[in-house]
C-alpha cells in the first residue's frame, strides 16, 4: 500500500554531507563505487574507463568478480 511505501532515492544528501576541508590543495580526487561485484554490474568497464583519468578509483563490495577486478586493476596501474 502507498501509505506504507518509503521512497529512498539513490545519491547523497549534499546538505548533510560536505567535503572535508584539507590543507593539501593538490590532492587527487577519489571516485568511490559500491556494489555487488557481479558481471552484470559491469565494474570491468569502470576500471577500464579510468585509464588516463587523474583520479583514484575505490571499489567496495563482494562477489564473484572480485579477484578478476583485482587483477584488472593491478594491470591498469602498471601501465
N, C-alpha and C. Protein backbone atom coordinates (compact mmCIF):
# COMPACT_ATOMS: atom_id res chain seq x y z
N UNK A 1 0.82 -1.20 0.00
CA UNK A 1 0.00 0.00 0.00
C UNK A 1 0.87 1.27 0.00
N UNK A 2 0.40 2.32 -0.65
CA UNK A 2 1.16 3.58 -0.75
C UNK A 2 1.48 4.18 0.61
N UNK A 3 0.59 4.04 1.58
CA UNK A 3 0.86 4.66 2.88
C UNK A 3 1.96 3.95 3.67
N UNK A 4 2.38 2.77 3.21
CA UNK A 4 3.46 2.04 3.88
C UNK A 4 4.74 2.04 3.06
N UNK A 5 4.69 2.57 1.84
CA UNK A 5 5.87 2.61 0.98
C UNK A 5 6.77 3.78 1.37
N UNK A 6 8.07 3.55 1.31
CA UNK A 6 9.05 4.58 1.61
C UNK A 6 9.94 4.73 0.39
N UNK A 7 10.09 5.94 -0.10
CA UNK A 7 10.95 6.23 -1.24
C UNK A 7 12.35 6.56 -0.74
N UNK A 8 13.34 5.80 -1.19
CA UNK A 8 14.73 6.04 -0.82
C UNK A 8 15.52 6.31 -2.09
N UNK A 9 15.75 7.57 -2.42
CA UNK A 9 16.46 7.88 -3.66
C UNK A 9 17.94 7.52 -3.57
N UNK A 10 18.53 7.20 -4.73
CA UNK A 10 19.97 6.99 -4.78
C UNK A 10 20.64 8.35 -4.67
N UNK A 11 21.82 8.38 -4.16
CA UNK A 11 22.55 9.63 -4.09
C UNK A 11 22.95 10.00 -2.68
N UNK A 12 23.45 11.21 -2.54
CA UNK A 12 23.97 11.70 -1.28
C UNK A 12 23.28 13.01 -0.94
N UNK A 13 22.90 13.18 0.30
CA UNK A 13 22.30 14.42 0.77
C UNK A 13 23.42 15.45 0.91
N UNK A 14 23.55 16.34 -0.08
CA UNK A 14 24.67 17.29 -0.08
C UNK A 14 24.49 18.40 0.95
N UNK A 15 23.31 18.52 1.53
CA UNK A 15 23.13 19.47 2.62
C UNK A 15 23.67 18.91 3.94
N UNK A 16 23.74 17.58 4.04
CA UNK A 16 24.24 16.93 5.25
C UNK A 16 25.72 16.58 5.13
N UNK A 17 26.12 16.00 3.98
CA UNK A 17 27.50 15.57 3.76
C UNK A 17 28.24 16.63 2.97
N UNK A 18 29.31 17.13 3.54
CA UNK A 18 30.14 18.16 2.90
C UNK A 18 31.56 17.61 2.76
N UNK A 19 32.27 18.02 1.71
CA UNK A 19 33.67 17.58 1.59
C UNK A 19 34.49 18.05 2.79
N UNK A 20 35.38 17.19 3.24
CA UNK A 20 36.25 17.55 4.35
C UNK A 20 37.21 18.64 3.90
N UNK A 21 37.49 19.58 4.79
CA UNK A 21 38.45 20.63 4.46
C UNK A 21 39.84 20.06 4.66
N UNK A 22 40.66 20.23 3.65
CA UNK A 22 42.00 19.68 3.67
C UNK A 22 43.02 20.79 3.49
N UNK A 23 44.14 20.66 4.15
CA UNK A 23 45.22 21.64 3.99
C UNK A 23 45.95 21.41 2.67
N UNK A 24 45.90 20.19 2.16
CA UNK A 24 46.55 19.87 0.90
C UNK A 24 45.64 20.28 -0.24
N UNK A 25 46.13 21.10 -1.13
CA UNK A 25 45.31 21.60 -2.24
C UNK A 25 45.38 20.74 -3.48
N UNK A 26 46.48 20.03 -3.70
CA UNK A 26 46.68 19.27 -4.93
C UNK A 26 46.42 17.78 -4.77
N UNK A 27 45.42 17.45 -3.97
CA UNK A 27 45.08 16.05 -3.77
C UNK A 27 44.40 15.48 -5.01
N UNK A 28 44.65 14.23 -5.28
CA UNK A 28 43.99 13.54 -6.40
C UNK A 28 42.57 13.20 -5.96
N UNK A 29 41.58 13.50 -6.79
CA UNK A 29 40.19 13.15 -6.45
C UNK A 29 40.01 11.64 -6.31
N UNK A 30 39.07 11.24 -5.48
CA UNK A 30 38.76 9.83 -5.28
C UNK A 30 37.34 9.58 -5.77
N UNK A 31 37.19 8.54 -6.59
CA UNK A 31 35.87 8.10 -7.06
C UNK A 31 35.55 6.82 -6.32
N UNK A 32 34.42 6.78 -5.64
CA UNK A 32 34.01 5.61 -4.87
C UNK A 32 32.81 4.96 -5.53
N UNK A 33 32.89 3.65 -5.72
CA UNK A 33 31.77 2.90 -6.27
C UNK A 33 31.52 1.70 -5.36
N UNK A 34 30.27 1.55 -4.95
CA UNK A 34 29.90 0.48 -4.02
C UNK A 34 28.83 -0.38 -4.67
N UNK A 35 29.02 -1.70 -4.63
CA UNK A 35 28.01 -2.58 -5.20
C UNK A 35 28.44 -4.03 -5.20
N UNK A 36 27.54 -4.88 -5.65
CA UNK A 36 27.86 -6.31 -5.77
C UNK A 36 28.84 -6.47 -6.93
N UNK A 37 29.91 -7.20 -6.71
CA UNK A 37 30.92 -7.40 -7.73
C UNK A 37 30.53 -8.58 -8.61
N UNK A 38 29.51 -8.36 -9.41
CA UNK A 38 29.00 -9.38 -10.31
C UNK A 38 29.10 -8.88 -11.74
N UNK A 39 29.14 -9.80 -12.68
CA UNK A 39 29.36 -9.46 -14.09
C UNK A 39 28.34 -8.44 -14.60
N UNK A 40 27.07 -8.58 -14.24
CA UNK A 40 26.04 -7.68 -14.76
C UNK A 40 26.20 -6.24 -14.25
N UNK A 41 26.97 -6.02 -13.21
CA UNK A 41 27.21 -4.67 -12.70
C UNK A 41 28.27 -3.94 -13.52
N UNK A 42 29.05 -4.68 -14.30
CA UNK A 42 30.00 -4.14 -15.27
C UNK A 42 31.07 -3.23 -14.67
N UNK A 43 31.63 -3.62 -13.54
CA UNK A 43 32.72 -2.87 -12.94
C UNK A 43 33.97 -2.89 -13.82
N UNK A 44 34.09 -3.91 -14.66
CA UNK A 44 35.24 -4.00 -15.56
C UNK A 44 35.31 -2.76 -16.46
N UNK A 45 34.17 -2.32 -16.96
CA UNK A 45 34.13 -1.12 -17.80
C UNK A 45 34.56 0.10 -17.00
N UNK A 46 34.14 0.18 -15.76
CA UNK A 46 34.53 1.30 -14.91
C UNK A 46 36.04 1.33 -14.71
N UNK A 47 36.65 0.19 -14.43
CA UNK A 47 38.10 0.12 -14.24
C UNK A 47 38.80 0.53 -15.53
N UNK A 48 38.35 0.02 -16.66
CA UNK A 48 38.98 0.36 -17.94
C UNK A 48 38.79 1.83 -18.28
N UNK A 49 37.68 2.41 -17.89
CA UNK A 49 37.41 3.82 -18.18
C UNK A 49 38.32 4.76 -17.39
N UNK A 50 38.94 4.27 -16.35
CA UNK A 50 39.80 5.10 -15.51
C UNK A 50 41.17 5.35 -16.14
N UNK A 51 41.51 4.63 -17.19
CA UNK A 51 42.81 4.82 -17.84
C UNK A 51 42.89 6.25 -18.36
N UNK A 52 43.90 6.95 -17.95
CA UNK A 52 44.09 8.32 -18.39
C UNK A 52 43.34 9.35 -17.55
N UNK A 53 42.60 8.90 -16.55
CA UNK A 53 41.87 9.82 -15.67
C UNK A 53 42.73 10.10 -14.45
N UNK A 54 42.88 11.35 -14.11
CA UNK A 54 43.69 11.73 -12.96
C UNK A 54 42.85 11.68 -11.69
N UNK A 55 42.53 10.46 -11.27
CA UNK A 55 41.74 10.23 -10.07
C UNK A 55 42.01 8.81 -9.57
N UNK A 56 41.70 8.59 -8.32
CA UNK A 56 41.84 7.26 -7.71
C UNK A 56 40.46 6.63 -7.66
N UNK A 57 40.35 5.39 -8.11
CA UNK A 57 39.09 4.65 -8.07
C UNK A 57 39.12 3.67 -6.91
N UNK A 58 38.10 3.72 -6.07
CA UNK A 58 37.94 2.76 -4.99
C UNK A 58 36.63 2.01 -5.22
N UNK A 59 36.71 0.69 -5.26
CA UNK A 59 35.52 -0.14 -5.44
C UNK A 59 35.34 -0.95 -4.16
N UNK A 60 34.13 -0.90 -3.62
CA UNK A 60 33.82 -1.62 -2.38
C UNK A 60 32.69 -2.60 -2.67
N UNK A 61 32.91 -3.85 -2.29
CA UNK A 61 31.86 -4.84 -2.48
C UNK A 61 32.42 -6.25 -2.45
N UNK A 62 31.52 -7.19 -2.55
CA UNK A 62 31.86 -8.62 -2.59
C UNK A 62 31.15 -9.24 -3.78
N UNK A 63 31.71 -10.31 -4.31
CA UNK A 63 31.04 -11.01 -5.38
C UNK A 63 32.00 -11.86 -6.20
N UNK A 64 31.45 -12.53 -7.19
CA UNK A 64 32.21 -13.48 -7.98
C UNK A 64 33.29 -12.83 -8.86
N UNK A 65 33.20 -11.53 -9.09
CA UNK A 65 34.17 -10.83 -9.95
C UNK A 65 35.32 -10.19 -9.18
N UNK A 66 35.37 -10.38 -7.87
CA UNK A 66 36.35 -9.69 -7.03
C UNK A 66 37.79 -9.94 -7.46
N UNK A 67 38.18 -11.18 -7.63
CA UNK A 67 39.56 -11.50 -7.99
C UNK A 67 39.89 -11.00 -9.39
N UNK A 68 38.95 -11.14 -10.30
CA UNK A 68 39.15 -10.66 -11.67
C UNK A 68 39.38 -9.15 -11.68
N UNK A 69 38.59 -8.42 -10.91
CA UNK A 69 38.73 -6.97 -10.85
C UNK A 69 40.05 -6.56 -10.19
N UNK A 70 40.49 -7.31 -9.20
CA UNK A 70 41.79 -7.02 -8.57
C UNK A 70 42.91 -7.14 -9.59
N UNK A 71 42.88 -8.21 -10.38
CA UNK A 71 43.91 -8.42 -11.41
C UNK A 71 43.86 -7.31 -12.45
N UNK A 72 42.67 -6.95 -12.88
CA UNK A 72 42.50 -5.91 -13.88
C UNK A 72 43.03 -4.57 -13.35
N UNK A 73 42.76 -4.27 -12.09
CA UNK A 73 43.22 -3.02 -11.50
C UNK A 73 44.74 -2.99 -11.40
N UNK A 74 45.33 -4.10 -10.97
CA UNK A 74 46.81 -4.16 -10.88
C UNK A 74 47.44 -3.97 -12.25
N UNK A 75 46.85 -4.58 -13.26
CA UNK A 75 47.36 -4.44 -14.63
C UNK A 75 47.24 -2.99 -15.09
N UNK A 76 46.13 -2.34 -14.79
CA UNK A 76 45.92 -0.95 -15.20
C UNK A 76 46.90 -0.01 -14.53
N UNK A 77 47.26 -0.28 -13.27
CA UNK A 77 48.19 0.58 -12.53
C UNK A 77 49.59 0.47 -13.11
N UNK A 78 49.97 -0.70 -13.61
CA UNK A 78 51.32 -0.90 -14.16
C UNK A 78 51.53 -0.10 -15.45
N UNK A 79 50.46 0.19 -16.18
CA UNK A 79 50.60 0.88 -17.48
C UNK A 79 50.59 2.35 -17.31
